[in-house]
């Protein structure tokens, strides 16, 4: 601080800092403050698969006890299957990564 000339130093009290933070918070809550995230692009948008595009009945495809292969998790055994709407929640015990629960329509599983 000794290197900075006195005419460039402004002493700010704690009260003025608190007041300025209150003003900023009030503006954000009222919608007047500008959000830092409003116009940001966080990368490319990924298209989700159309859930109506799956052919056949899922219960015909996967059954408890089936061995399946997942691209990232490797080989695993289907432990349980739960119906969820027009999809299935499949619990799979993978050899290398443990048990995972995956939605059948999005998991891209291959039967072995």
PDB file of N, CA and C in Angstrom:
ATOM      1  N   UNK A   1       0.818  -1.192   0.000  1.00  0.00           N
ATOM      2  CA  UNK A   1       0.000   0.000   0.000  1.00  0.00           C
ATOM      3  C   UNK A   1       0.865   1.259   0.000  1.00  0.00           C
ATOM      4  N   UNK A   2       2.078   1.174   0.516  1.00  0.00           N
ATOM      5  CA  UNK A   2       2.942   2.343   0.575  1.00  0.00           C
ATOM      6  C   UNK A   2       3.331   2.812  -0.815  1.00  0.00           C
ATOM      7  N   UNK A   3       3.328   1.905  -1.795  1.00  0.00           N
ATOM      8  CA  UNK A   3       3.727   2.256  -3.147  1.00  0.00           C
ATOM      9  C   UNK A   3       2.642   3.011  -3.894  1.00  0.00           C
ATOM     10  N   UNK A   4       1.397   2.918  -3.444  1.00  0.00           N
ATOM     11  CA  UNK A   4       0.272   3.575  -4.116  1.00  0.00           C
ATOM     12  C   UNK A   4       0.136   4.989  -3.572  1.00  0.00           C
ATOM     13  N   UNK A   5       0.081   5.995  -4.466  1.00  0.00           N
ATOM     14  CA  UNK A   5      -0.086   7.384  -4.016  1.00  0.00           C
ATOM     15  C   UNK A   5      -1.409   7.568  -3.277  1.00  0.00           C
ATOM     16  N   UNK A   6      -1.417   8.425  -2.253  1.00  0.00           N
ATOM     17  CA  UNK A   6      -2.602   8.665  -1.421  1.00  0.00           C
ATOM     18  C   UNK A   6      -3.809   9.121  -2.225  1.00  0.00           C
ATOM     19  N   UNK A   7      -3.608   9.923  -3.273  1.00  0.00           N
ATOM     20  CA  UNK A   7      -4.754  10.447  -4.033  1.00  0.00           C
ATOM     21  C   UNK A   7      -5.470   9.351  -4.843  1.00  0.00           C
ATOM     22  N   UNK A   8      -4.855   8.158  -4.975  1.00  0.00           N
ATOM     23  CA  UNK A   8      -5.487   7.046  -5.683  1.00  0.00           C
ATOM     24  C   UNK A   8      -6.174   6.050  -4.748  1.00  0.00           C
ATOM     25  N   UNK A   9      -6.045   6.246  -3.454  1.00  0.00           N
ATOM     26  CA  UNK A   9      -6.628   5.329  -2.476  1.00  0.00           C
ATOM     27  C   UNK A   9      -7.937   5.895  -1.958  1.00  0.00           C
ATOM     28  N   UNK A  10      -8.969   5.059  -1.995  1.00  0.00           N
ATOM     29  CA  UNK A  10     -10.272   5.453  -1.461  1.00  0.00           C
ATOM     30  C   UNK A  10     -10.625   4.474  -0.351  1.00  0.00           C
ATOM     31  N   UNK A  11     -10.860   4.997   0.822  1.00  0.00           N
ATOM     32  CA  UNK A  11     -11.247   4.148   1.948  1.00  0.00           C
ATOM     33  C   UNK A  11     -12.739   3.879   1.870  1.00  0.00           C
ATOM     34  N   UNK A  12     -13.090   2.614   1.897  1.00  0.00           N
ATOM     35  CA  UNK A  12     -14.493   2.213   1.801  1.00  0.00           C
ATOM     36  C   UNK A  12     -14.872   1.529   3.101  1.00  0.00           C
ATOM     37  N   UNK A  13     -15.976   1.962   3.664  1.00  0.00           N
ATOM     38  CA  UNK A  13     -16.429   1.356   4.917  1.00  0.00           C
ATOM     39  C   UNK A  13     -17.173   0.055   4.629  1.00  0.00           C
ATOM     40  N   UNK A  14     -17.264  -0.795   5.625  1.00  0.00           N
ATOM     41  CA  UNK A  14     -17.991  -2.055   5.487  1.00  0.00           C
ATOM     42  C   UNK A  14     -19.459  -1.798   5.182  1.00  0.00           C
ATOM     43  N   UNK A  15     -20.017  -0.735   5.741  1.00  0.00           N
ATOM     44  CA  UNK A  15     -21.431  -0.421   5.516  1.00  0.00           C
ATOM     45  C   UNK A  15     -21.712  -0.130   4.050  1.00  0.00           C
ATOM     46  N   UNK A  16     -20.810   0.570   3.372  1.00  0.00           N
ATOM     47  CA  UNK A  16     -21.052   0.891   1.966  1.00  0.00           C
ATOM     48  C   UNK A  16     -20.984  -0.368   1.098  1.00  0.00           C
ATOM     49  N   UNK A  17     -20.143  -1.321   1.474  1.00  0.00           N
ATOM     50  CA  UNK A  17     -20.067  -2.586   0.739  1.00  0.00           C
ATOM     51  C   UNK A  17     -21.359  -3.374   0.916  1.00  0.00           C
ATOM     52  N   UNK A  18     -21.854  -3.433   2.138  1.00  0.00           N
ATOM     53  CA  UNK A  18     -23.103  -4.144   2.421  1.00  0.00           C
ATOM     54  C   UNK A  18     -24.259  -3.497   1.666  1.00  0.00           C
ATOM     55  N   UNK A  19     -24.318  -2.173   1.650  1.00  0.00           N
ATOM     56  CA  UNK A  19     -25.392  -1.464   0.947  1.00  0.00           C
ATOM     57  C   UNK A  19     -25.346  -1.752  -0.555  1.00  0.00           C
ATOM     58  N   UNK A  20     -24.159  -1.749  -1.144  1.00  0.00           N
ATOM     59  CA  UNK A  20     -24.062  -2.011  -2.583  1.00  0.00           C
ATOM     60  C   UNK A  20     -24.476  -3.449  -2.905  1.00  0.00           C
ATOM     61  N   UNK A  21     -24.166  -4.391  -2.021  1.00  0.00           N
ATOM     62  CA  UNK A  21     -24.586  -5.776  -2.234  1.00  0.00           C
ATOM     63  C   UNK A  21     -26.100  -5.910  -2.133  1.00  0.00           C
ATOM     64  N   UNK A  22     -26.723  -5.158  -1.221  1.00  0.00           N
ATOM     65  CA  UNK A  22     -28.183  -5.182  -1.090  1.00  0.00           C
ATOM     66  C   UNK A  22     -28.837  -4.648  -2.356  1.00  0.00           C
ATOM     67  N   UNK A  23     -28.277  -3.586  -2.920  1.00  0.00           N
ATOM     68  CA  UNK A  23     -28.838  -2.999  -4.142  1.00  0.00           C
ATOM     69  C   UNK A  23     -28.761  -4.006  -5.290  1.00  0.00           C
ATOM     70  N   UNK A  24     -27.621  -4.660  -5.438  1.00  0.00           N
ATOM     71  CA  UNK A  24     -27.456  -5.652  -6.502  1.00  0.00           C
ATOM     72  C   UNK A  24     -28.432  -6.805  -6.312  1.00  0.00           C
ATOM     73  N   UNK A  25     -28.591  -7.279  -5.084  1.00  0.00           N
ATOM     74  CA  UNK A  25     -29.516  -8.370  -4.798  1.00  0.00           C
ATOM     75  C   UNK A  25     -30.955  -7.959  -5.091  1.00  0.00           C
ATOM     76  N   UNK A  26     -31.336  -6.745  -4.691  1.00  0.00           N
ATOM     77  CA  UNK A  26     -32.687  -6.251  -4.965  1.00  0.00           C
ATOM     78  C   UNK A  26     -32.950  -6.184  -6.467  1.00  0.00           C
ATOM     79  N   UNK A  27     -31.962  -5.744  -7.236  1.00  0.00           N
ATOM     80  CA  UNK A  27     -32.128  -5.651  -8.686  1.00  0.00           C
ATOM     81  C   UNK A  27     -32.310  -7.033  -9.307  1.00  0.00           C
ATOM     82  N   UNK A  28     -31.544  -7.995  -8.843  1.00  0.00           N
ATOM     83  CA  UNK A  28     -31.664  -9.352  -9.390  1.00  0.00           C
ATOM     84  C   UNK A  28     -33.014  -9.964  -9.055  1.00  0.00           C
ATOM     85  N   UNK A  29     -33.498  -9.735  -7.826  1.00  0.00           N
ATOM     86  CA  UNK A  29     -34.779 -10.307  -7.415  1.00  0.00           C
ATOM     87  C   UNK A  29     -35.942  -9.643  -8.137  1.00  0.00           C
ATOM     88  N   UNK A  30     -35.793  -8.373  -8.493  1.00  0.00           N
ATOM     89  CA  UNK A  30     -36.876  -7.673  -9.178  1.00  0.00           C
ATOM     90  C   UNK A  30     -36.823  -7.877 -10.685  1.00  0.00           C
ATOM     91  N   UNK A  31     -35.759  -8.508 -11.171  1.00  0.00           N
ATOM     92  CA  UNK A  31     -35.640  -8.748 -12.599  1.00  0.00           C
ATOM     93  C   UNK A  31     -34.926  -7.634 -13.334  1.00  0.00           C
ATOM     94  N   UNK A  32     -34.490  -6.594 -12.636  1.00  0.00           N
ATOM     95  CA  UNK A  32     -33.816  -5.472 -13.281  1.00  0.00           C
ATOM     96  C   UNK A  32     -32.331  -5.735 -13.475  1.00  0.00           C
ATOM     97  N   UNK A  33     -31.769  -6.577 -12.642  1.00  0.00           N
ATOM     98  CA  UNK A  33     -30.342  -6.869 -12.746  1.00  0.00           C
ATOM     99  C   UNK A  33     -30.071  -7.806 -13.902  1.00  0.00           C
ATOM    100  N   UNK A  34     -28.934  -7.644 -14.538  1.00  0.00           N
ATOM    101  CA  UNK A  34     -28.578  -8.479 -15.674  1.00  0.00           C
ATOM    102  C   UNK A  34     -27.965  -9.784 -15.185  1.00  0.00           C
ATOM    103  N   UNK A  35     -28.470 -10.876 -15.667  1.00  0.00           N
ATOM    104  CA  UNK A  35     -27.929 -12.183 -15.316  1.00  0.00           C
ATOM    105  C   UNK A  35     -26.691 -12.458 -16.157  1.00  0.00           C
ATOM    106  N   UNK A  36     -25.699 -13.039 -15.557  1.00  0.00           N
ATOM    107  CA  UNK A  36     -24.483 -13.385 -16.287  1.00  0.00           C
ATOM    108  C   UNK A  36     -24.689 -14.565 -17.226  1.00  0.00           C
ATOM    109  N   UNK A  37     -25.750 -15.325 -17.046  1.00  0.00           N
ATOM    110  CA  UNK A  37     -25.939 -16.552 -17.796  1.00  0.00           C
ATOM    111  C   UNK A  37     -27.037 -16.453 -18.855  1.00  0.00           C
ATOM    112  N   UNK A  38     -27.652 -15.302 -19.005  1.00  0.00           N
ATOM    113  CA  UNK A  38     -28.826 -15.199 -19.859  1.00  0.00           C
ATOM    114  C   UNK A  38     -28.542 -15.469 -21.329  1.00  0.00           C
ATOM    115  N   UNK A  39     -27.407 -15.053 -21.836  1.00  0.00           N
ATOM    116  CA  UNK A  39     -27.148 -15.203 -23.264  1.00  0.00           C
ATOM    117  C   UNK A  39     -25.952 -16.097 -23.563  1.00  0.00           C
ATOM    118  N   UNK A  40     -25.599 -16.936 -22.648  1.00  0.00           N
ATOM    119  CA  UNK A  40     -24.431 -17.785 -22.866  1.00  0.00           C
ATOM    120  C   UNK A  40     -24.799 -19.019 -23.660  1.00  0.00           C
ATOM    121  N   UNK A  41     -23.856 -19.441 -24.460  1.00  0.00           N
ATOM    122  CA  UNK A  41     -23.995 -20.682 -25.207  1.00  0.00           C
ATOM    123  C   UNK A  41     -23.075 -21.701 -24.546  1.00  0.00           C
ATOM    124  N   UNK A  42     -23.630 -22.755 -24.018  1.00  0.00           N
ATOM    125  CA  UNK A  42     -22.849 -23.734 -23.278  1.00  0.00           C
ATOM    126  C   UNK A  42     -22.474 -24.932 -24.135  1.00  0.00           C
ATOM    127  N   UNK A  43     -22.314 -24.741 -25.405  1.00  0.00           N
ATOM    128  CA  UNK A  43     -21.893 -25.829 -26.280  1.00  0.00           C
ATOM    129  C   UNK A  43     -23.006 -26.249 -27.208  1.00  0.00           C
ATOM    130  N   UNK A  44     -22.745 -27.294 -27.935  1.00  0.00           N
ATOM    131  CA  UNK A  44     -23.723 -27.753 -28.912  1.00  0.00           C
ATOM    132  C   UNK A  44     -24.869 -28.468 -28.216  1.00  0.00           C
ATOM    133  N   UNK A  45     -26.027 -28.354 -28.819  1.00  0.00           N
ATOM    134  CA  UNK A  45     -27.207 -29.027 -28.278  1.00  0.00           C
ATOM    135  C   UNK A  45     -27.231 -30.447 -28.816  1.00  0.00           C
ATOM    136  N   UNK A  46     -27.484 -31.384 -27.933  1.00  0.00           N
ATOM    137  CA  UNK A  46     -27.567 -32.776 -28.342  1.00  0.00           C
ATOM    138  C   UNK A  46     -29.026 -33.149 -28.516  1.00  0.00           C
ATOM    139  N   UNK A  47     -29.302 -33.832 -29.593  1.00  0.00           N
ATOM    140  CA  UNK A  47     -30.648 -34.317 -29.843  1.00  0.00           C
ATOM    141  C   UNK A  47     -30.857 -35.615 -29.076  1.00  0.00           C
ATOM    142  N   UNK A  48     -31.943 -35.689 -28.330  1.00  0.00           N
ATOM    143  CA  UNK A  48     -32.286 -36.924 -27.632  1.00  0.00           C
ATOM    144  C   UNK A  48     -33.019 -37.844 -28.589  1.00  0.00           C
ATOM    145  N   UNK A  49     -32.831 -39.124 -28.453  1.00  0.00           N
ATOM    146  CA  UNK A  49     -33.554 -40.049 -29.318  1.00  0.00           C
ATOM    147  C   UNK A  49     -35.056 -39.935 -29.094  1.00  0.00           C
ATOM    148  N   UNK A  50     -35.802 -40.083 -30.157  1.00  0.00           N
ATOM    149  CA  UNK A  50     -37.252 -40.042 -30.071  1.00  0.00           C
ATOM    150  C   UNK A  50     -37.728 -41.320 -29.392  1.00  0.00           C
ATOM    151  N   UNK A  51     -38.394 -41.165 -28.238  1.00  0.00           N
ATOM    152  CA  UNK A  51     -38.815 -42.341 -27.473  1.00  0.00           C
ATOM    153  C   UNK A  51     -39.875 -43.151 -28.206  1.00  0.00           C
ATOM    154  N   UNK A  52     -40.525 -42.564 -29.211  1.00  0.00           N
ATOM    155  CA  UNK A  52     -41.528 -43.300 -29.971  1.00  0.00           C
ATOM    156  C   UNK A  52     -40.906 -44.078 -31.126  1.00  0.00           C
ATOM    157  N   UNK A  53     -39.605 -43.927 -31.333  1.00  0.00           N
ATOM    158  CA  UNK A  53     -38.928 -44.556 -32.453  1.00  0.00           C
ATOM    159  C   UNK A  53     -38.410 -45.951 -32.156  1.00  0.00           C
ATOM    160  N   UNK A  54     -38.629 -46.452 -30.963  1.00  0.00           N
ATOM    161  CA  UNK A  54     -38.120 -47.771 -30.608  1.00  0.00           C
ATOM    162  C   UNK A  54     -39.075 -48.815 -31.158  1.00  0.00           C
ATOM    163  N   UNK A  55     -38.523 -49.753 -31.898  1.00  0.00           N
ATOM    164  CA  UNK A  55     -39.390 -50.758 -32.506  1.00  0.00           C
ATOM    165  C   UNK A  55     -39.574 -51.942 -31.567  1.00  0.00           C
ATOM    166  N   UNK A  56     -40.753 -52.508 -31.590  1.00  0.00           N
ATOM    167  CA  UNK A  56     -41.029 -53.704 -30.807  1.00  0.00           C
ATOM    168  C   UNK A  56     -41.339 -53.416 -29.357  1.00  0.00           C
ATOM    169  N   UNK A  57     -41.672 -54.471 -28.649  1.00  0.00           N
ATOM    170  CA  UNK A  57     -42.006 -54.394 -27.239  1.00  0.00           C
ATOM    171  C   UNK A  57     -40.736 -54.637 -26.434  1.00  0.00           C
ATOM    172  N   UNK A  58     -40.412 -53.731 -25.506  1.00  0.00           N
ATOM    173  CA  UNK A  58     -39.177 -53.850 -24.739  1.00  0.00           C
ATOM    174  C   UNK A  58     -39.125 -55.124 -23.908  1.00  0.00           C
ATOM    175  N   UNK A  59     -40.279 -55.591 -23.437  1.00  0.00           N
ATOM    176  CA  UNK A  59     -40.275 -56.811 -22.626  1.00  0.00           C
ATOM    177  C   UNK A  59     -39.845 -58.017 -23.456  1.00  0.00           C
ATOM    178  N   UNK A  60     -40.007 -57.935 -24.793  1.00  0.00           N
ATOM    179  CA  UNK A  60     -39.532 -59.000 -25.672  1.00  0.00           C
ATOM    180  C   UNK A  60     -38.020 -58.915 -25.869  1.00  0.00           C
ATOM    181  N   UNK A  61     -37.449 -57.733 -25.673  1.00  0.00           N
ATOM    182  CA  UNK A  61     -36.032 -57.515 -25.931  1.00  0.00           C
ATOM    183  C   UNK A  61     -35.179 -57.888 -24.724  1.00  0.00           C
ATOM    184  N   UNK A  62     -35.486 -57.333 -23.536  1.00  0.00           N
ATOM    185  CA  UNK A  62     -34.666 -57.554 -22.347  1.00  0.00           C
ATOM    186  C   UNK A  62     -35.459 -58.282 -21.271  1.00  0.00           C
ATOM    187  N   UNK A  63     -34.795 -59.243 -20.629  1.00  0.00           N
ATOM    188  CA  UNK A  63     -35.404 -59.980 -19.530  1.00  0.00           C
ATOM    189  C   UNK A  63     -34.377 -60.150 -18.419  1.00  0.00           C
ATOM    190  N   UNK A  64     -34.862 -60.288 -17.186  1.00  0.00           N
ATOM    191  CA  UNK A  64     -33.975 -60.545 -16.055  1.00  0.00           C
ATOM    192  C   UNK A  64     -33.147 -61.797 -16.347  1.00  0.00           C
ATOM    193  N   UNK A  65     -31.849 -61.699 -16.089  1.00  0.00           N
ATOM    194  CA  UNK A  65     -30.943 -62.818 -16.346  1.00  0.00           C
ATOM    195  C   UNK A  65     -30.190 -62.709 -17.657  1.00  0.00           C
ATOM    196  N   UNK A  66     -30.627 -61.803 -18.542  1.00  0.00           N
ATOM    197  CA  UNK A  66     -29.921 -61.608 -19.810  1.00  0.00           C
ATOM    198  C   UNK A  66     -28.549 -60.986 -19.573  1.00  0.00           C
ATOM    199  N   UNK A  67     -27.590 -61.385 -20.386  1.00  0.00           N
ATOM    200  CA  UNK A  67     -26.275 -60.749 -20.386  1.00  0.00           C
ATOM    201  C   UNK A  67     -26.279 -59.710 -21.500  1.00  0.00           C
ATOM    202  N   UNK A  68     -25.840 -58.496 -21.159  1.00  0.00           N
ATOM    203  CA  UNK A  68     -25.840 -57.396 -22.125  1.00  0.00           C
ATOM    204  C   UNK A  68     -24.467 -56.733 -22.161  1.00  0.00           C
ATOM    205  N   UNK A  69     -24.245 -55.964 -23.219  1.00  0.00           N
ATOM    206  CA  UNK A  69     -23.005 -55.204 -23.356  1.00  0.00           C
ATOM    207  C   UNK A  69     -23.358 -53.733 -23.529  1.00  0.00           C
ATOM    208  N   UNK A  70     -22.707 -52.878 -22.739  1.00  0.00           N
ATOM    209  CA  UNK A  70     -22.869 -51.426 -22.816  1.00  0.00           C
ATOM    210  C   UNK A  70     -21.539 -50.841 -23.287  1.00  0.00           C
ATOM    211  N   UNK A  71     -21.615 -49.837 -24.140  1.00  0.00           N
ATOM    212  CA  UNK A  71     -20.411 -49.259 -24.745  1.00  0.00           C
ATOM    213  C   UNK A  71     -19.400 -48.776 -23.701  1.00  0.00           C
ATOM    214  N   UNK A  72     -19.870 -48.108 -22.648  1.00  0.00           N
ATOM    215  CA  UNK A  72     -18.962 -47.545 -21.639  1.00  0.00           C
ATOM    216  C   UNK A  72     -18.727 -48.481 -20.455  1.00  0.00           C
ATOM    217  N   UNK A  73     -19.760 -49.227 -20.044  1.00  0.00           N
ATOM    218  CA  UNK A  73     -19.666 -50.019 -18.823  1.00  0.00           C
ATOM    219  C   UNK A  73     -19.231 -51.462 -19.054  1.00  0.00           C
ATOM    220  N   UNK A  74     -19.278 -51.919 -20.291  1.00  0.00           N
ATOM    221  CA  UNK A  74     -18.858 -53.280 -20.602  1.00  0.00           C
ATOM    222  C   UNK A  74     -19.973 -54.300 -20.447  1.00  0.00           C
ATOM    223  N   UNK A  75     -19.586 -55.521 -20.095  1.00  0.00           N
ATOM    224  CA  UNK A  75     -20.536 -56.629 -19.991  1.00  0.00           C
ATOM    225  C   UNK A  75     -21.187 -56.658 -18.615  1.00  0.00           C
ATOM    226  N   UNK A  76     -22.496 -56.968 -18.608  1.00  0.00           N
ATOM    227  CA  UNK A  76     -23.210 -57.046 -17.348  1.00  0.00           C
ATOM    228  C   UNK A  76     -24.407 -57.969 -17.418  1.00  0.00           C
ATOM    229  N   UNK A  77     -24.956 -58.274 -16.244  1.00  0.00           N
ATOM    230  CA  UNK A  77     -26.102 -59.169 -16.114  1.00  0.00           C
ATOM    231  C   UNK A  77     -27.307 -58.367 -15.635  1.00  0.00           C
ATOM    232  N   UNK A  78     -28.444 -58.500 -16.323  1.00  0.00           N
ATOM    233  CA  UNK A  78     -29.660 -57.792 -15.915  1.00  0.00           C
ATOM    234  C   UNK A  78     -30.186 -58.422 -14.631  1.00  0.00           C
ATOM    235  N   UNK A  79     -30.257 -57.595 -13.578  1.00  0.00           N
ATOM    236  CA  UNK A  79     -30.682 -58.047 -12.258  1.00  0.00           C
ATOM    237  C   UNK A  79     -32.177 -57.844 -12.068  1.00  0.00           C
ATOM    238  N   UNK A  80     -32.696 -56.699 -12.540  1.00  0.00           N
ATOM    239  CA  UNK A  80     -34.128 -56.427 -12.404  1.00  0.00           C
ATOM    240  C   UNK A  80     -34.578 -55.481 -13.508  1.00  0.00           C
ATOM    241  N   UNK A  81     -35.884 -55.530 -13.768  1.00  0.00           N
ATOM    242  CA  UNK A  81     -36.491 -54.657 -14.776  1.00  0.00           C
ATOM    243  C   UNK A  81     -37.771 -54.090 -14.185  1.00  0.00           C
ATOM    244  N   UNK A  82     -37.921 -52.760 -14.277  1.00  0.00           N
ATOM    245  CA  UNK A  82     -39.137 -52.084 -13.806  1.00  0.00           C
ATOM    246  C   UNK A  82     -39.762 -51.336 -14.964  1.00  0.00           C
ATOM    247  N   UNK A  83     -41.050 -51.510 -15.174  1.00  0.00           N
ATOM    248  CA  UNK A  83     -41.759 -50.763 -16.215  1.00  0.00           C
ATOM    249  C   UNK A  83     -41.905 -49.320 -15.764  1.00  0.00           C
ATOM    250  N   UNK A  84     -41.588 -48.376 -16.648  1.00  0.00           N
ATOM    251  CA  UNK A  84     -41.724 -46.949 -16.355  1.00  0.00           C
ATOM    252  C   UNK A  84     -42.309 -46.274 -17.585  1.00  0.00           C
ATOM    253  N   UNK A  85     -43.626 -46.049 -17.566  1.00  0.00           N
ATOM    254  CA  UNK A  85     -44.293 -45.455 -18.725  1.00  0.00           C
ATOM    255  C   UNK A  85     -44.154 -46.387 -19.912  1.00  0.00           C
ATOM    256  N   UNK A  86     -43.638 -45.845 -21.026  1.00  0.00           N
ATOM    257  CA  UNK A  86     -43.432 -46.693 -22.206  1.00  0.00           C
ATOM    258  C   UNK A  86     -41.964 -47.123 -22.322  1.00  0.00           C
ATOM    259  N   UNK A  87     -41.282 -47.185 -21.186  1.00  0.00           N
ATOM    260  CA  UNK A  87     -39.876 -47.576 -21.140  1.00  0.00           C
ATOM    261  C   UNK A  87     -39.664 -48.532 -19.965  1.00  0.00           C
ATOM    262  N   UNK A  88     -38.435 -48.954 -19.780  1.00  0.00           N
ATOM    263  CA  UNK A  88     -38.086 -49.831 -18.670  1.00  0.00           C
ATOM    264  C   UNK A  88     -36.830 -49.313 -17.981  1.00  0.00           C
ATOM    265  N   UNK A  89     -36.827 -49.378 -16.653  1.00  0.00           N
ATOM    266  CA  UNK A  89     -35.636 -49.091 -15.869  1.00  0.00           C
ATOM    267  C   UNK A  89     -34.967 -50.438 -15.622  1.00  0.00           C
ATOM    268  N   UNK A  90     -33.777 -50.591 -16.201  1.00  0.00           N
ATOM    269  CA  UNK A  90     -33.075 -51.871 -16.117  1.00  0.00           C
ATOM    270  C   UNK A  90     -31.904 -51.737 -15.158  1.00  0.00           C
ATOM    271  N   UNK A  91     -31.855 -52.612 -14.159  1.00  0.00           N
ATOM    272  CA  UNK A  91     -30.731 -52.647 -13.225  1.00  0.00           C
ATOM    273  C   UNK A  91     -29.774 -53.731 -13.700  1.00  0.00           C
ATOM    274  N   UNK A  92     -28.522 -53.314 -13.929  1.00  0.00           N
ATOM    275  CA  UNK A  92     -27.526 -54.218 -14.497  1.00  0.00           C
ATOM    276  C   UNK A  92     -26.304 -54.278 -13.590  1.00  0.00           C
ATOM    277  N   UNK A  93     -25.862 -55.496 -13.282  1.00  0.00           N
ATOM    278  CA  UNK A  93     -24.628 -55.698 -12.511  1.00  0.00           C
ATOM    279  C   UNK A  93     -23.492 -55.873 -13.520  1.00  0.00           C
ATOM    280  N   UNK A  94     -22.688 -54.817 -13.664  1.00  0.00           N
ATOM    281  CA  UNK A  94     -21.565 -54.859 -14.601  1.00  0.00           C
ATOM    282  C   UNK A  94     -20.337 -55.445 -13.917  1.00  0.00           C
ATOM    283  N   UNK A  95     -19.513 -56.127 -14.692  1.00  0.00           N
ATOM    284  CA  UNK A  95     -18.316 -56.783 -14.158  1.00  0.00           C
ATOM    285  C   UNK A  95     -17.332 -55.786 -13.555  1.00  0.00           C
ATOM    286  N   UNK A  96     -17.112 -54.665 -14.227  1.00  0.00           N
ATOM    287  CA  UNK A  96     -16.040 -53.751 -13.825  1.00  0.00           C
ATOM    288  C   UNK A  96     -16.490 -52.525 -13.044  1.00  0.00           C
ATOM    289  N   UNK A  97     -17.748 -52.083 -13.213  1.00  0.00           N
ATOM    290  CA  UNK A  97     -18.172 -50.812 -12.598  1.00  0.00           C
ATOM    291  C   UNK A  97     -19.293 -50.957 -11.580  1.00  0.00           C
ATOM    292  N   UNK A  98     -19.687 -52.180 -11.280  1.00  0.00           N
ATOM    293  CA  UNK A  98     -20.743 -52.387 -10.296  1.00  0.00           C
ATOM    294  C   UNK A  98     -22.128 -52.296 -10.910  1.00  0.00           C
ATOM    295  N   UNK A  99     -23.124 -52.056 -10.065  1.00  0.00           N
ATOM    296  CA  UNK A  99     -24.517 -52.034 -10.496  1.00  0.00           C
ATOM    297  C   UNK A  99     -24.920 -50.643 -10.963  1.00  0.00           C
ATOM    298  N   UNK A 100     -25.616 -50.602 -12.096  1.00  0.00           N
ATOM    299  CA  UNK A 100     -26.118 -49.346 -12.659  1.00  0.00           C
ATOM    300  C   UNK A 100     -27.582 -49.531 -13.019  1.00  0.00           C
ATOM    301  N   UNK A 101     -28.349 -48.427 -12.914  1.00  0.00           N
ATOM    302  CA  UNK A 101     -29.741 -48.431 -13.362  1.00  0.00           C
ATOM    303  C   UNK A 101     -29.820 -47.549 -14.599  1.00  0.00           C
ATOM    304  N   UNK A 102     -30.309 -48.119 -15.697  1.00  0.00           N
ATOM    305  CA  UNK A 102     -30.353 -47.416 -16.976  1.00  0.00           C
ATOM    306  C   UNK A 102     -31.740 -47.541 -17.594  1.00  0.00           C
ATOM    307  N   UNK A 103     -32.156 -46.505 -18.317  1.00  0.00           N
ATOM    308  CA  UNK A 103     -33.403 -46.570 -19.064  1.00  0.00           C
ATOM    309  C   UNK A 103     -33.135 -47.327 -20.362  1.00  0.00           C
ATOM    310  N   UNK A 104     -33.961 -48.309 -20.654  1.00  0.00           N
ATOM    311  CA  UNK A 104     -33.731 -49.211 -21.784  1.00  0.00           C
ATOM    312  C   UNK A 104     -33.633 -48.474 -23.115  1.00  0.00           C
ATOM    313  N   UNK A 105     -34.488 -47.489 -23.338  1.00  0.00           N
ATOM    314  CA  UNK A 105     -34.517 -46.810 -24.634  1.00  0.00           C
ATOM    315  C   UNK A 105     -33.291 -45.948 -24.889  1.00  0.00           C
ATOM    316  N   UNK A 106     -32.602 -45.543 -23.844  1.00  0.00           N
ATOM    317  CA  UNK A 106     -31.465 -44.645 -24.015  1.00  0.00           C
ATOM    318  C   UNK A 106     -30.125 -45.320 -23.738  1.00  0.00           C
ATOM    319  N   UNK A 107     -30.135 -46.529 -23.215  1.00  0.00           N
ATOM    320  CA  UNK A 107     -28.898 -47.188 -22.785  1.00  0.00           C
ATOM    321  C   UNK A 107     -28.076 -47.763 -23.935  1.00  0.00           C
ATOM    322  N   UNK A 108     -28.696 -48.010 -25.070  1.00  0.00           N
ATOM    323  CA  UNK A 108     -28.015 -48.599 -26.227  1.00  0.00           C
ATOM    324  C   UNK A 108     -27.308 -49.900 -25.843  1.00  0.00           C
ATOM    325  N   UNK A 109     -28.081 -50.785 -25.238  1.00  0.00           N
ATOM    326  CA  UNK A 109     -27.554 -52.083 -24.810  1.00  0.00           C
ATOM    327  C   UNK A 109     -27.617 -53.081 -25.956  1.00  0.00           C
ATOM    328  N   UNK A 110     -26.657 -53.993 -25.971  1.00  0.00           N
ATOM    329  CA  UNK A 110     -26.673 -55.101 -26.923  1.00  0.00           C
ATOM    330  C   UNK A 110     -26.793 -56.392 -26.133  1.00  0.00           C
ATOM    331  N   UNK A 111     -27.707 -57.245 -26.567  1.00  0.00           N
ATOM    332  CA  UNK A 111     -27.837 -58.554 -25.939  1.00  0.00           C
ATOM    333  C   UNK A 111     -26.671 -59.421 -26.377  1.00  0.00           C
ATOM    334  N   UNK A 112     -26.115 -60.186 -25.444  1.00  0.00           N
ATOM    335  CA  UNK A 112     -24.990 -61.065 -25.787  1.00  0.00           C
ATOM    336  C   UNK A 112     -25.494 -62.452 -26.102  1.00  0.00           C
TER     337      UNK A 112
END
